[in-house]
C-alpha atoms as a PDB file:
ATOM      1  CA  MET A   1     -57.867 -69.286  32.175  1.00  0.00           C
ATOM      2  CA  SER A   2     -58.597 -72.983  31.850  1.00  0.00           C
ATOM      3  CA  LYS A   3     -60.630 -74.124  28.909  1.00  0.00           C
ATOM      4  CA  GLN A   4     -62.604 -77.291  28.531  1.00  0.00           C
ATOM      5  CA  GLN A   5     -61.186 -79.551  25.860  1.00  0.00           C
ATOM      6  CA  ARG A   6     -63.751 -80.121  23.168  1.00  0.00           C
ATOM      7  CA  GLY A   7     -64.110 -83.665  21.951  1.00  0.00           C
ATOM      8  CA  LEU A   8     -64.757 -84.945  18.487  1.00  0.00           C
ATOM      9  CA  GLY A   9     -68.114 -86.310  17.444  1.00  0.00           C
ATOM     10  CA  LYS A  10     -68.886 -89.801  18.682  1.00  0.00           C
ATOM     11  CA  GLY A  11     -66.870 -92.418  16.878  1.00  0.00           C
ATOM     12  CA  ILE A  12     -65.149 -90.044  14.461  1.00  0.00           C
ATOM     13  CA  SER A  13     -61.607 -90.812  15.626  1.00  0.00           C
ATOM     14  CA  ALA A  14     -62.206 -94.525  15.257  1.00  0.00           C
ATOM     15  CA  LEU A  15     -63.447 -94.001  11.708  1.00  0.00           C
ATOM     16  CA  PHE A  16     -60.969 -91.470  10.390  1.00  0.00           C
ATOM     17  CA  GLY A  17     -57.954 -91.584  12.701  1.00  0.00           C
ATOM     18  CA  ASP A  18     -56.296 -88.847  14.744  1.00  0.00           C
ATOM     19  CA  GLU A  19     -57.034 -85.182  14.190  1.00  0.00           C
ATOM     20  CA  ALA A  20     -54.813 -83.431  11.677  1.00  0.00           C
ATOM     21  CA  ASP A  21     -52.390 -80.774  12.927  1.00  0.00           C
ATOM     22  CA  LEU A  22     -52.438 -77.961  10.378  1.00  0.00           C
ATOM     23  CA  GLY A  23     -51.035 -75.161  12.503  1.00  0.00           C
ATOM     24  CA  SER A  24     -48.035 -74.832  10.216  1.00  0.00           C
ATOM     25  CA  ILE A  25     -50.148 -73.835   7.201  1.00  0.00           C
ATOM     26  CA  ARG A  26     -53.053 -72.057   8.900  1.00  0.00           C
ATOM     27  CA  LYS A  27     -51.695 -68.514   9.177  1.00  0.00           C
ATOM     28  CA  PRO A  28     -53.610 -65.485  10.522  1.00  0.00           C
ATOM     29  CA  VAL A  29     -55.559 -63.423   7.994  1.00  0.00           C
ATOM     30  CA  GLY A  30     -53.721 -60.177   7.373  1.00  0.00           C
ATOM     31  CA  TYR A  31     -55.188 -57.182   5.544  1.00  0.00           C
ATOM     32  CA  ILE A  32     -51.761 -56.213   4.272  1.00  0.00           C
ATOM     33  CA  ASN A  33     -52.932 -54.559   1.056  1.00  0.00           C
ATOM     34  CA  LYS A  34     -55.500 -52.300   2.685  1.00  0.00           C
ATOM     35  CA  GLU A  35     -55.110 -48.599   3.315  1.00  0.00           C
ATOM     36  CA  ILE A  36     -54.297 -47.340   6.792  1.00  0.00           C
ATOM     37  CA  VAL A  37     -55.937 -44.311   8.361  1.00  0.00           C
ATOM     38  CA  SER A  38     -54.193 -42.233  10.989  1.00  0.00           C
ATOM     39  CA  GLU A  39     -54.818 -39.184  13.109  1.00  0.00           C
ATOM     40  CA  GLU A  40     -52.439 -37.144  10.954  1.00  0.00           C
ATOM     41  CA  GLN A  41     -53.946 -38.276   7.651  1.00  0.00           C
ATOM     42  CA  PRO A  42     -57.583 -39.182   8.351  1.00  0.00           C
ATOM     43  CA  ARG A  43     -59.538 -40.934   5.637  1.00  0.00           C
ATOM     44  CA  GLU A  44     -61.984 -38.683   3.850  1.00  0.00           C
ATOM     45  CA  SER A  45     -65.614 -39.162   4.774  1.00  0.00           C
ATOM     46  CA  GLY A  46     -68.003 -41.086   2.579  1.00  0.00           C
ATOM     47  CA  PRO A  47     -69.349 -44.618   2.315  1.00  0.00           C
ATOM     48  CA  LYS A  48     -66.701 -47.276   1.844  1.00  0.00           C
ATOM     49  CA  ALA A  49     -67.137 -50.874   0.792  1.00  0.00           C
ATOM     50  CA  ASP A  50     -63.509 -51.875   1.188  1.00  0.00           C
ATOM     51  CA  VAL A  51     -61.587 -52.701   4.355  1.00  0.00           C
ATOM     52  CA  LEU A  52     -59.343 -50.097   5.976  1.00  0.00           C
ATOM     53  CA  LEU A  53     -56.890 -50.553   8.853  1.00  0.00           C
ATOM     54  CA  ILE A  54     -57.544 -48.202  11.779  1.00  0.00           C
ATOM     55  CA  PRO A  55     -55.364 -47.787  14.885  1.00  0.00           C
ATOM     56  CA  VAL A  56     -57.183 -49.064  17.966  1.00  0.00           C
ATOM     57  CA  ASP A  57     -56.559 -45.739  19.730  1.00  0.00           C
ATOM     58  CA  LEU A  58     -58.728 -43.963  17.151  1.00  0.00           C
ATOM     59  CA  ILE A  59     -61.718 -46.245  17.687  1.00  0.00           C
ATOM     60  CA  GLU A  60     -64.292 -45.744  20.420  1.00  0.00           C
ATOM     61  CA  PRO A  61     -67.370 -47.716  21.479  1.00  0.00           C
ATOM     62  CA  ASN A  62     -70.861 -46.832  20.371  1.00  0.00           C
ATOM     63  CA  PRO A  63     -72.704 -45.044  23.226  1.00  0.00           C
ATOM     64  CA  PHE A  64     -75.928 -46.585  21.967  1.00  0.00           C
ATOM     65  CA  GLN A  65     -74.572 -50.133  22.142  1.00  0.00           C
ATOM     66  CA  PRO A  66     -77.509 -52.189  23.473  1.00  0.00           C
ATOM     67  CA  ARG A  67     -75.208 -54.824  25.003  1.00  0.00           C
ATOM     68  CA  MET A  68     -73.912 -53.545  28.315  1.00  0.00           C
ATOM     69  CA  SER A  69     -71.916 -56.583  29.451  1.00  0.00           C
ATOM     70  CA  PHE A  70     -69.640 -59.030  27.645  1.00  0.00           C
ATOM     71  CA  ASP A  71     -68.771 -62.532  28.815  1.00  0.00           C
ATOM     72  CA  GLN A  72     -65.063 -62.374  29.660  1.00  0.00           C
ATOM     73  CA  ASP A  73     -64.395 -66.074  29.011  1.00  0.00           C
ATOM     74  CA  ALA A  74     -66.056 -65.815  25.595  1.00  0.00           C
ATOM     75  CA  LEU A  75     -63.986 -62.706  24.816  1.00  0.00           C
ATOM     76  CA  GLU A  76     -60.786 -64.553  25.763  1.00  0.00           C
ATOM     77  CA  GLU A  77     -61.734 -67.449  23.467  1.00  0.00           C
ATOM     78  CA  LEU A  78     -62.441 -65.037  20.621  1.00  0.00           C
ATOM     79  CA  ALA A  79     -59.118 -63.274  21.294  1.00  0.00           C
ATOM     80  CA  ASP A  80     -57.317 -66.623  21.089  1.00  0.00           C
ATOM     81  CA  SER A  81     -59.043 -67.313  17.768  1.00  0.00           C
ATOM     82  CA  ILE A  82     -58.006 -63.883  16.462  1.00  0.00           C
ATOM     83  CA  ARG A  83     -54.379 -64.472  17.480  1.00  0.00           C
ATOM     84  CA  THR A  84     -54.418 -67.740  15.547  1.00  0.00           C
ATOM     85  CA  LEU A  85     -56.581 -66.869  12.549  1.00  0.00           C
ATOM     86  CA  GLY A  86     -56.783 -63.072  12.472  1.00  0.00           C
ATOM     87  CA  LEU A  87     -60.009 -61.052  12.442  1.00  0.00           C
ATOM     88  CA  ILE A  88     -62.030 -62.654   9.672  1.00  0.00           C
ATOM     89  CA  GLN A  89     -65.074 -60.370   9.896  1.00  0.00           C
ATOM     90  CA  PRO A  90     -64.049 -56.671  10.055  1.00  0.00           C
ATOM     91  CA  ILE A  91     -65.955 -54.297  12.316  1.00  0.00           C
ATOM     92  CA  THR A  92     -68.033 -51.389  10.943  1.00  0.00           C
ATOM     93  CA  VAL A  93     -67.366 -47.798  12.081  1.00  0.00           C
ATOM     94  CA  ARG A  94     -68.368 -44.253  11.255  1.00  0.00           C
ATOM     95  CA  ARG A  95     -66.013 -41.282  11.149  1.00  0.00           C
ATOM     96  CA  LYS A  96     -66.607 -38.517  13.657  1.00  0.00           C
ATOM     97  CA  ASP A  97     -65.933 -34.817  13.129  1.00  0.00           C
ATOM     98  CA  ASP A  98     -62.841 -34.984  15.358  1.00  0.00           C
ATOM     99  CA  GLY A  99     -61.197 -37.556  13.084  1.00  0.00           C
ATOM    100  CA  ARG A 100     -61.888 -40.485  15.394  1.00  0.00           C
ATOM    101  CA  TYR A 101     -64.092 -43.508  14.592  1.00  0.00           C
ATOM    102  CA  GLN A 102     -67.128 -44.836  16.400  1.00  0.00           C
ATOM    103  CA  ILE A 103     -68.199 -48.465  16.269  1.00  0.00           C
ATOM    104  CA  ILE A 104     -71.477 -49.195  14.517  1.00  0.00           C
ATOM    105  CA  SER A 105     -71.258 -52.973  14.748  1.00  0.00           C
ATOM    106  CA  GLY A 106     -68.626 -55.383  16.032  1.00  0.00           C
ATOM    107  CA  GLU A 107     -67.834 -54.077  19.512  1.00  0.00           C
ATOM    108  CA  ARG A 108     -67.316 -57.620  20.822  1.00  0.00           C
ATOM    109  CA  ARG A 109     -64.844 -58.290  18.006  1.00  0.00           C
ATOM    110  CA  PHE A 110     -63.108 -54.954  18.733  1.00  0.00           C
ATOM    111  CA  ARG A 111     -62.704 -55.797  22.423  1.00  0.00           C
ATOM    112  CA  ALA A 112     -61.308 -59.201  21.519  1.00  0.00           C
ATOM    113  CA  CYS A 113     -58.848 -57.542  19.099  1.00  0.00           C
ATOM    114  CA  ARG A 114     -57.539 -55.371  21.922  1.00  0.00           C
ATOM    115  CA  LEU A 115     -57.205 -58.435  24.163  1.00  0.00           C
ATOM    116  CA  ALA A 116     -55.282 -60.133  21.354  1.00  0.00           C
ATOM    117  CA  GLY A 117     -52.846 -57.205  21.276  1.00  0.00           C
ATOM    118  CA  MET A 118     -53.748 -55.904  17.805  1.00  0.00           C
ATOM    119  CA  GLN A 119     -52.583 -52.357  17.039  1.00  0.00           C
ATOM    120  CA  MET A 120     -54.576 -52.016  13.811  1.00  0.00           C
ATOM    121  CA  VAL A 121     -58.160 -53.237  13.381  1.00  0.00           C
ATOM    122  CA  PRO A 122     -59.682 -53.926   9.940  1.00  0.00           C
ATOM    123  CA  ALA A 123     -62.925 -52.007   9.528  1.00  0.00           C
ATOM    124  CA  TYR A 124     -65.526 -50.808   7.080  1.00  0.00           C
ATOM    125  CA  ILE A 125     -66.153 -47.049   7.233  1.00  0.00           C
ATOM    126  CA  ARG A 126     -69.760 -46.027   6.791  1.00  0.00           C
ATOM    127  CA  ASP A 127     -71.215 -42.587   6.274  1.00  0.00           C
ATOM    128  CA  THR A 128     -74.603 -43.052   7.899  1.00  0.00           C
ATOM    129  CA  ASN A 129     -76.003 -40.004   6.090  1.00  0.00           C
ATOM    130  CA  ASP A 130     -75.613 -41.383   2.591  1.00  0.00           C
ATOM    131  CA  GLN A 131     -77.490 -44.674   2.269  1.00  0.00           C
ATOM    132  CA  GLY A 132     -77.683 -44.684  -1.530  1.00  0.00           C
ATOM    133  CA  MET A 133     -73.966 -44.171  -2.054  1.00  0.00           C
ATOM    134  CA  LEU A 134     -73.173 -46.848   0.506  1.00  0.00           C
ATOM    135  CA  GLU A 135     -75.382 -49.343  -1.303  1.00  0.00           C
ATOM    136  CA  MET A 136     -73.757 -48.561  -4.642  1.00  0.00           C
ATOM    137  CA  ALA A 137     -70.286 -48.877  -3.121  1.00  0.00           C
ATOM    138  CA  ILE A 138     -71.049 -52.303  -1.657  1.00  0.00           C
ATOM    139  CA  VAL A 139     -72.692 -53.577  -4.855  1.00  0.00           C
ATOM    140  CA  GLU A 140     -69.702 -52.370  -6.870  1.00  0.00           C
ATOM    141  CA  ASN A 141     -67.419 -54.181  -4.422  1.00  0.00           C
ATOM    142  CA  ILE A 142     -69.362 -57.437  -4.885  1.00  0.00           C
ATOM    143  CA  GLN A 143     -68.873 -57.276  -8.659  1.00  0.00           C
ATOM    144  CA  ARG A 144     -65.097 -57.535  -8.239  1.00  0.00           C
ATOM    145  CA  GLU A 145     -63.653 -60.876  -9.324  1.00  0.00           C
ATOM    146  CA  ASP A 146     -60.903 -61.056  -6.687  1.00  0.00           C
ATOM    147  CA  LEU A 147     -63.156 -61.343  -3.652  1.00  0.00           C
ATOM    148  CA  ASP A 148     -62.875 -64.486  -1.586  1.00  0.00           C
ATOM    149  CA  PRO A 149     -66.120 -66.284  -0.536  1.00  0.00           C
ATOM    150  CA  ILE A 150     -66.154 -64.757   2.947  1.00  0.00           C
ATOM    151  CA  GLU A 151     -65.717 -61.237   1.549  1.00  0.00           C
ATOM    152  CA  VAL A 152     -68.680 -61.861  -0.757  1.00  0.00           C
ATOM    153  CA  ALA A 153     -70.768 -63.188   2.148  1.00  0.00           C
ATOM    154  CA  LEU A 154     -69.851 -60.201   4.338  1.00  0.00           C
ATOM    155  CA  SER A 155     -70.801 -57.804   1.540  1.00  0.00           C
ATOM    156  CA  TYR A 156     -74.204 -59.477   1.254  1.00  0.00           C
ATOM    157  CA  GLN A 157     -74.639 -59.239   5.008  1.00  0.00           C
ATOM    158  CA  ARG A 158     -73.786 -55.529   4.963  1.00  0.00           C
ATOM    159  CA  LEU A 159     -76.404 -54.866   2.302  1.00  0.00           C
ATOM    160  CA  ILE A 160     -79.010 -56.559   4.463  1.00  0.00           C
ATOM    161  CA  GLU A 161     -78.044 -54.988   7.782  1.00  0.00           C
ATOM    162  CA  GLU A 162     -76.849 -51.525   6.769  1.00  0.00           C
ATOM    163  CA  CYS A 163     -79.065 -50.851   3.750  1.00  0.00           C
ATOM    164  CA  ASN A 164     -82.190 -52.523   5.162  1.00  0.00           C
ATOM    165  CA  LEU A 165     -82.652 -54.848   2.193  1.00  0.00           C
ATOM    166  CA  THR A 166     -84.335 -58.227   2.143  1.00  0.00           C
ATOM    167  CA  GLN A 167     -82.529 -61.165   0.565  1.00  0.00           C
ATOM    168  CA  GLU A 168     -84.854 -60.914  -2.418  1.00  0.00           C
ATOM    169  CA  GLN A 169     -84.128 -57.186  -2.905  1.00  0.00           C
ATOM    170  CA  MET A 170     -80.415 -57.775  -2.470  1.00  0.00           C
ATOM    171  CA  ALA A 171     -80.407 -60.580  -5.038  1.00  0.00           C
ATOM    172  CA  VAL A 172     -81.952 -58.174  -7.559  1.00  0.00           C
ATOM    173  CA  ARG A 173     -79.407 -55.443  -6.719  1.00  0.00           C
ATOM    174  CA  VAL A 174     -76.389 -57.705  -7.271  1.00  0.00           C
ATOM    175  CA  GLY A 175     -77.866 -59.672 -10.188  1.00  0.00           C
ATOM    176  CA  LYS A 176     -77.696 -63.026  -8.424  1.00  0.00           C
ATOM    177  CA  LYS A 177     -80.242 -65.745  -7.749  1.00  0.00           C
ATOM    178  CA  ARG A 178     -81.669 -65.656  -4.254  1.00  0.00           C
ATOM    179  CA  ALA A 179     -80.497 -69.241  -3.618  1.00  0.00           C
ATOM    180  CA  SER A 180     -76.924 -68.184  -4.406  1.00  0.00           C
ATOM    181  CA  VAL A 181     -77.173 -65.266  -1.990  1.00  0.00           C
ATOM    182  CA  THR A 182     -78.579 -67.525   0.731  1.00  0.00           C
ATOM    183  CA  ASN A 183     -75.793 -70.045   0.251  1.00  0.00           C
ATOM    184  CA  TYR A 184     -73.131 -67.362   0.640  1.00  0.00           C
ATOM    185  CA  LEU A 185     -74.762 -65.958   3.784  1.00  0.00           C
ATOM    186  CA  ARG A 186     -74.815 -69.446   5.302  1.00  0.00           C
ATOM    187  CA  LEU A 187     -71.003 -69.508   5.097  1.00  0.00           C
ATOM    188  CA  LEU A 188     -70.943 -66.982   7.954  1.00  0.00           C
ATOM    189  CA  LYS A 189     -72.532 -69.607  10.212  1.00  0.00           C
ATOM    190  CA  LEU A 190     -69.433 -71.796   9.937  1.00  0.00           C
ATOM    191  CA  PRO A 191     -66.812 -71.802  12.736  1.00  0.00           C
ATOM    192  CA  ALA A 192     -64.095 -69.164  12.483  1.00  0.00           C
ATOM    193  CA  LYS A 193     -61.452 -71.753  11.585  1.00  0.00           C
ATOM    194  CA  ILE A 194     -63.415 -72.909   8.549  1.00  0.00           C
ATOM    195  CA  GLN A 195     -64.184 -69.327   7.492  1.00  0.00           C
ATOM    196  CA  HIS A 196     -60.457 -68.638   7.679  1.00  0.00           C
ATOM    197  CA  ASP A 197     -59.658 -71.605   5.429  1.00  0.00           C
ATOM    198  CA  LEU A 198     -62.268 -70.459   2.922  1.00  0.00           C
ATOM    199  CA  LYS A 199     -60.828 -66.953   2.966  1.00  0.00           C
ATOM    200  CA  VAL A 200     -57.256 -68.022   2.273  1.00  0.00           C
ATOM    201  CA  GLY A 201     -58.147 -70.690  -0.274  1.00  0.00           C
ATOM    202  CA  LEU A 202     -57.424 -73.837   1.741  1.00  0.00           C
ATOM    203  CA  LEU A 203     -61.060 -74.895   1.346  1.00  0.00           C
ATOM    204  CA  SER A 204     -63.550 -74.517  -1.508  1.00  0.00           C
ATOM    205  CA  VAL A 205     -67.140 -73.281  -1.335  1.00  0.00           C
ATOM    206  CA  GLY A 206     -68.238 -76.753  -2.431  1.00  0.00           C
ATOM    207  CA  HIS A 207     -66.553 -78.299   0.611  1.00  0.00           C
ATOM    208  CA  ALA A 208     -68.052 -75.623   2.863  1.00  0.00           C
ATOM    209  CA  LYS A 209     -71.580 -76.329   1.617  1.00  0.00           C
ATOM    210  CA  VAL A 210     -71.130 -79.994   2.500  1.00  0.00           C
ATOM    211  CA  LEU A 211     -69.839 -79.109   5.978  1.00  0.00           C
ATOM    212  CA  LEU A 212     -72.870 -76.884   6.567  1.00  0.00           C
ATOM    213  CA  GLY A 213     -74.984 -80.032   6.550  1.00  0.00           C
ATOM    214  CA  ILE A 214     -73.306 -81.140   9.796  1.00  0.00           C
ATOM    215  CA  GLU A 215     -74.619 -79.725  13.077  1.00  0.00           C
ATOM    216  CA  ASP A 216     -71.663 -80.558  15.325  1.00  0.00           C
ATOM    217  CA  THR A 217     -69.047 -77.793  14.957  1.00  0.00           C
ATOM    218  CA  ASN A 218     -66.329 -80.102  16.318  1.00  0.00           C
ATOM    219  CA  VAL A 219     -67.011 -82.567  13.517  1.00  0.00           C
ATOM    220  CA  GLN A 220     -67.142 -79.713  10.990  1.00  0.00           C
ATOM    221  CA  GLU A 221     -63.682 -78.528  12.031  1.00  0.00           C
ATOM    222  CA  TYR A 222     -62.274 -82.057  12.114  1.00  0.00           C
ATOM    223  CA  LEU A 223     -63.497 -82.809   8.582  1.00  0.00           C
ATOM    224  CA  CYS A 224     -62.203 -79.435   7.386  1.00  0.00           C
ATOM    225  CA  ASP A 225     -58.722 -80.407   8.603  1.00  0.00           C
ATOM    226  CA  LEU A 226     -59.113 -83.800   6.958  1.00  0.00           C
ATOM    227  CA  VAL A 227     -59.994 -82.208   3.599  1.00  0.00           C
ATOM    228  CA  ILE A 228     -56.860 -80.069   3.714  1.00  0.00           C
ATOM    229  CA  LYS A 229     -54.550 -82.790   4.998  1.00  0.00           C
ATOM    230  CA  GLU A 230     -55.681 -85.484   2.544  1.00  0.00           C
ATOM    231  CA  GLU A 231     -56.637 -83.099  -0.305  1.00  0.00           C
ATOM    232  CA  LEU A 232     -60.118 -84.604  -0.476  1.00  0.00           C
ATOM    233  CA  SER A 233     -62.482 -83.707  -3.300  1.00  0.00           C
ATOM    234  CA  VAL A 234     -66.062 -82.676  -2.517  1.00  0.00           C
ATOM    235  CA  ARG A 235     -67.258 -86.150  -3.508  1.00  0.00           C
ATOM    236  CA  GLN A 236     -64.697 -87.817  -1.239  1.00  0.00           C
ATOM    237  CA  LEU A 237     -65.792 -85.580   1.639  1.00  0.00           C
ATOM    238  CA  GLU A 238     -69.407 -86.611   1.060  1.00  0.00           C
ATOM    239  CA  ASP A 239     -68.328 -90.256   1.171  1.00  0.00           C
ATOM    240  CA  LYS A 240     -66.539 -89.663   4.475  1.00  0.00           C
ATOM    241  CA  ILE A 241     -69.669 -88.089   5.950  1.00  0.00           C
ATOM    242  CA  ARG A 242     -71.855 -90.958   4.760  1.00  0.00           C
ATOM    243  CA  LYS A 243     -69.406 -93.328   6.421  1.00  0.00           C
ATOM    244  CA  LEU A 244     -69.670 -91.326   9.636  1.00  0.00           C
ATOM    245  CA  ALA A 245     -73.475 -91.299   9.551  1.00  0.00           C
ATOM    246  CA  ASN A 246     -73.852 -94.982   8.599  1.00  0.00           C
ATOM    247  CA  PRO A 247     -70.773 -96.910   9.707  1.00  0.00           C
ATOM    248  CA  GLU A 248     -70.713-100.433   8.340  1.00  0.00           C
ATOM    249  CA  ALA A 249     -71.141-103.060  11.031  1.00  0.00           C
ATOM    250  CA  PRO A 250     -68.236-105.529  11.083  1.00  0.00           C
ATOM    251  CA  LYS A 251     -69.194-108.784   9.482  1.00  0.00           C
ATOM    252  CA  SER A 252     -69.660-111.663  11.888  1.00  0.00           C
ATOM    253  CA  GLU A 253     -67.492-114.754  11.724  1.00  0.00           C
ATOM    254  CA  GLU A 254     -70.491-116.724  10.527  1.00  0.00           C
ATOM    255  CA  GLN A 255     -70.754-114.394   7.524  1.00  0.00           C
ATOM    256  CA  THR A 256     -67.084-114.292   6.637  1.00  0.00           C
ATOM    257  CA  GLN A 257     -65.971-117.841   7.444  1.00  0.00           C
ATOM    258  CA  ASP A 258     -65.168-119.927   4.350  1.00  0.00           C
ATOM    259  CA  LEU A 259     -67.145-123.181   4.190  1.00  0.00           C
ATOM    260  CA  PRO A 260     -65.427-126.596   3.858  1.00  0.00           C
ATOM    261  CA  ASP A 261     -66.170-128.567   0.673  1.00  0.00           C
ATOM    262  CA  GLU A 262     -68.569-130.984   2.379  1.00  0.00           C
ATOM    263  CA  TYR A 263     -70.855-128.086   3.286  1.00  0.00           C
ATOM    264  CA  PHE A 264     -71.184-127.118  -0.349  1.00  0.00           C
ATOM    265  CA  LYS A 265     -72.097-130.740  -1.097  1.00  0.00           C
ATOM    266  CA  VAL A 266     -74.904-130.543   1.503  1.00  0.00           C
ATOM    267  CA  LEU A 267     -76.165-127.322  -0.054  1.00  0.00           C
ATOM    268  CA  GLU A 268     -76.103-128.923  -3.491  1.00  0.00           C
ATOM    269  CA  ILE A 269     -77.915-132.109  -2.482  1.00  0.00           C
ATOM    270  CA  VAL A 270     -80.571-130.515  -0.286  1.00  0.00           C
ATOM    271  CA  GLY A 271     -80.923-127.399  -2.377  1.00  0.00           C
ATOM    272  CA  LYS A 272     -82.132-129.235  -5.469  1.00  0.00           C
ATOM    273  CA  TYR A 273     -85.364-130.106  -3.634  1.00  0.00           C
ATOM    274  CA  PHE A 274     -86.042-126.453  -2.763  1.00  0.00           C
ATOM    275  CA  GLU A 275     -84.929-124.665  -5.931  1.00  0.00           C
ATOM    276  CA  ASN A 276     -81.613-123.865  -4.183  1.00  0.00           C
ATOM    277  CA  ASN A 277     -83.456-121.608  -1.764  1.00  0.00           C
ATOM    278  CA  ILE A 278     -81.210-122.627   1.109  1.00  0.00           C
ATOM    279  CA  SER A 279     -78.494-120.871   3.144  1.00  0.00           C
ATOM    280  CA  LEU A 280     -75.895-122.072   5.612  1.00  0.00           C
ATOM    281  CA  LYS A 281     -73.761-120.221   8.172  1.00  0.00           C
ATOM    282  CA  ARG A 282     -70.819-121.681  10.055  1.00  0.00           C
ATOM    283  CA  SER A 283     -68.486-120.206  12.691  1.00  0.00           C
ATOM    284  CA  THR A 284     -64.829-121.053  13.223  1.00  0.00           C
ATOM    285  CA  THR A 285     -65.868-123.428  16.028  1.00  0.00           C
ATOM    286  CA  GLY A 286     -68.012-125.477  13.652  1.00  0.00           C
ATOM    287  CA  LYS A 287     -71.316-124.236  15.051  1.00  0.00           C
ATOM    288  CA  GLY A 288     -73.837-122.763  12.654  1.00  0.00           C
ATOM    289  CA  SER A 289     -77.305-122.887  11.174  1.00  0.00           C
ATOM    290  CA  MET A 290     -79.028-123.983   7.991  1.00  0.00           C
ATOM    291  CA  THR A 291     -82.092-122.190   6.680  1.00  0.00           C
ATOM    292  CA  ILE A 292     -84.427-123.718   4.088  1.00  0.00           C
ATOM    293  CA  HIS A 293     -87.210-121.773   2.397  1.00  0.00           C
ATOM    294  CA  PHE A 294     -89.921-123.819   0.691  1.00  0.00           C
ATOM    295  CA  SER A 295     -92.760-122.641  -1.526  1.00  0.00           C
ATOM    296  CA  SER A 296     -95.227-125.563  -1.116  1.00  0.00           C
ATOM    297  CA  ASP A 297     -96.015-128.714   0.805  1.00  0.00           C
ATOM    298  CA  GLU A 298     -95.028-130.699  -2.263  1.00  0.00           C
ATOM    299  CA  GLU A 299     -91.390-129.600  -1.929  1.00  0.00           C
ATOM    300  CA  VAL A 300     -91.290-130.887   1.662  1.00  0.00           C
ATOM    301  CA  LYS A 301     -92.968-134.191   0.698  1.00  0.00           C
ATOM    302  CA  LYS A 302     -90.441-134.772  -2.098  1.00  0.00           C
ATOM    303  CA  PHE A 303     -87.578-134.097   0.258  1.00  0.00           C
ATOM    304  CA  LEU A 304     -89.023-136.436   2.915  1.00  0.00           C
ATOM    305  CA  LYS A 305     -89.509-139.203   0.333  1.00  0.00           C
ATOM    306  CA  ALA A 306     -85.890-138.792  -0.791  1.00  0.00           C
ATOM    307  CA  LEU A 307     -84.733-139.183   2.804  1.00  0.00           C
ATOM    308  CA  GLU A 308     -86.874-142.303   3.297  1.00  0.00           C
ATOM    309  CA  ASP A 309     -85.718-143.878   0.030  1.00  0.00           C
ATOM    310  CA  SER A 310     -82.107-143.344   1.008  1.00  0.00           C
ATOM    311  CA  LYS A 311     -82.838-145.341   4.210  1.00  0.00           C
ATOM    312  CA  PHE A 312     -81.345-142.748   6.600  1.00  0.00           C
END
């Protein structure tokens, strides 16, 4: 399948140089410390807030899935992303009586995982008959100190989607300000590559918040690579973005050309009649302009008289 090469934002290469190649340090996310369920030893039922690894053969689609068709090209692109970065957002499943698992949300991600050749898929297991316990499990999970920013954001999203809570209600449940909750949820709007870098600690939440202010995802990803490659602080990233938004126009030769001594003498002689309110520009060819600002007719008369007395 051929893919269209995405370009950087207009002028960004000229401002910041070539795109950084960080493939050597950007490794796929692996849920290596999570428990694995199998057909021989199925996980006990009950609401779970943590991620479990489930063999793809034990997972089946949701018969009530409203989406009947999936764009194959988009699935291939997502599969490529998963091969490179891993599955950043686990799917959600429920356990059936026969020990298999049915997808609640994330069927597109599951299909892409199979295309990517994954044998185990990270998933949340939800008991749909016990809403209260599920909510408590997720809230308890959020209180852990070892969660990365994306795990926190996904937990917030689960509370909203699976427990039917508003952002205000969720903020009260987890003891956070609503603005903090909103900021974490916004992280899930970032491209997968940036979410990956947040998850593995290559990028800070502060950097991510700055990148959220940029609409072009190509520019977001480019600046993310730049932050990692050059170890930019949040302030330095902000400076780079300001430079991108308002590039300084190159100074003209008239502005940068040094003036010969005789020009300064002209400025000194003429300027004294106009309170030094005079400017002069000169190019390398000797062409230029002189601008005089006067505040009254008297200034002009005095200057004219000086010219006449000098018998020019």
